[in-house]
């Protein structure tokens, strides 16, 4: 919440998934929010190459 409420946020469209949902990159002050969250141990990239939670 802090990233989204205290910085300039931009969205970059990156196409659609197989269900037609728009895929976006969320940036906070130009930095990818996903990278920030992964770096802080609050998220991980999907798929991580070892486990798939939805089989």
Protein backbone atom coordinates (compact mmCIF):
# COMPACT_ATOMS: atom_id res chain seq x y z
CA UNK A 1 0.00 0.00 0.00
CA UNK A 2 2.84 2.37 0.79
CA UNK A 3 4.25 2.05 -2.73
CA UNK A 4 0.90 2.80 -4.32
CA UNK A 5 -0.18 5.59 -1.99
CA UNK A 6 3.04 7.60 -1.69
CA UNK A 7 4.63 7.48 -5.16
CA UNK A 8 3.78 8.10 -8.78
CA UNK A 9 2.26 4.90 -10.17
CA UNK A 10 2.15 3.98 -13.84
CA UNK A 11 0.68 0.99 -15.67
CA UNK A 12 2.18 -0.49 -18.84
CA UNK A 13 -0.05 -2.78 -20.89
CA UNK A 14 1.74 -6.00 -21.90
CA UNK A 15 -0.90 -7.80 -23.95
CA UNK A 16 -3.54 -10.27 -22.86
CA UNK A 17 -3.60 -13.70 -21.28
CA UNK A 18 -5.39 -16.68 -22.77
CA UNK A 19 -8.66 -15.56 -21.15
CA UNK A 20 -8.54 -12.07 -22.67
CA UNK A 21 -7.48 -10.30 -19.45
CA UNK A 22 -5.15 -7.37 -19.89
CA UNK A 23 -1.65 -7.95 -18.49
CA UNK A 24 0.15 -4.92 -17.05
CA UNK A 25 3.39 -3.97 -15.37
CA UNK A 26 2.83 -1.73 -12.34
CA UNK A 27 5.63 0.77 -11.71
CA UNK A 28 6.24 2.93 -8.66
CA UNK A 29 8.49 5.89 -9.48
CA UNK A 30 9.62 3.94 -12.55
CA UNK A 31 10.55 0.76 -10.65
CA UNK A 32 8.68 -2.50 -11.25
CA UNK A 33 6.51 -3.17 -8.18
CA UNK A 34 6.84 -6.94 -8.70
CA UNK A 35 10.63 -6.66 -8.44
CA UNK A 36 10.31 -4.62 -5.25
CA UNK A 37 7.95 -7.12 -3.62
CA UNK A 38 10.08 -10.12 -4.64
CA UNK A 39 13.20 -8.37 -3.35
CA UNK A 40 11.54 -7.82 0.04
CA UNK A 41 10.43 -11.46 0.24
CA UNK A 42 6.75 -10.50 0.02
CA UNK A 43 6.10 -12.21 -3.33
CA UNK A 44 7.68 -14.61 -5.80
CA UNK A 45 7.65 -14.92 -9.53
CA UNK A 46 5.16 -17.35 -11.07
CA UNK A 47 5.86 -20.00 -12.06
CA UNK A 48 8.99 -20.43 -10.00
CA UNK A 49 10.06 -23.46 -12.04
CA UNK A 50 9.77 -25.99 -9.23
CA UNK A 51 6.20 -26.12 -8.04
CA UNK A 52 2.84 -25.42 -9.58
CA UNK A 53 0.06 -24.77 -7.08
CA UNK A 54 -2.68 -25.29 -9.62
CA UNK A 55 -2.51 -28.76 -11.13
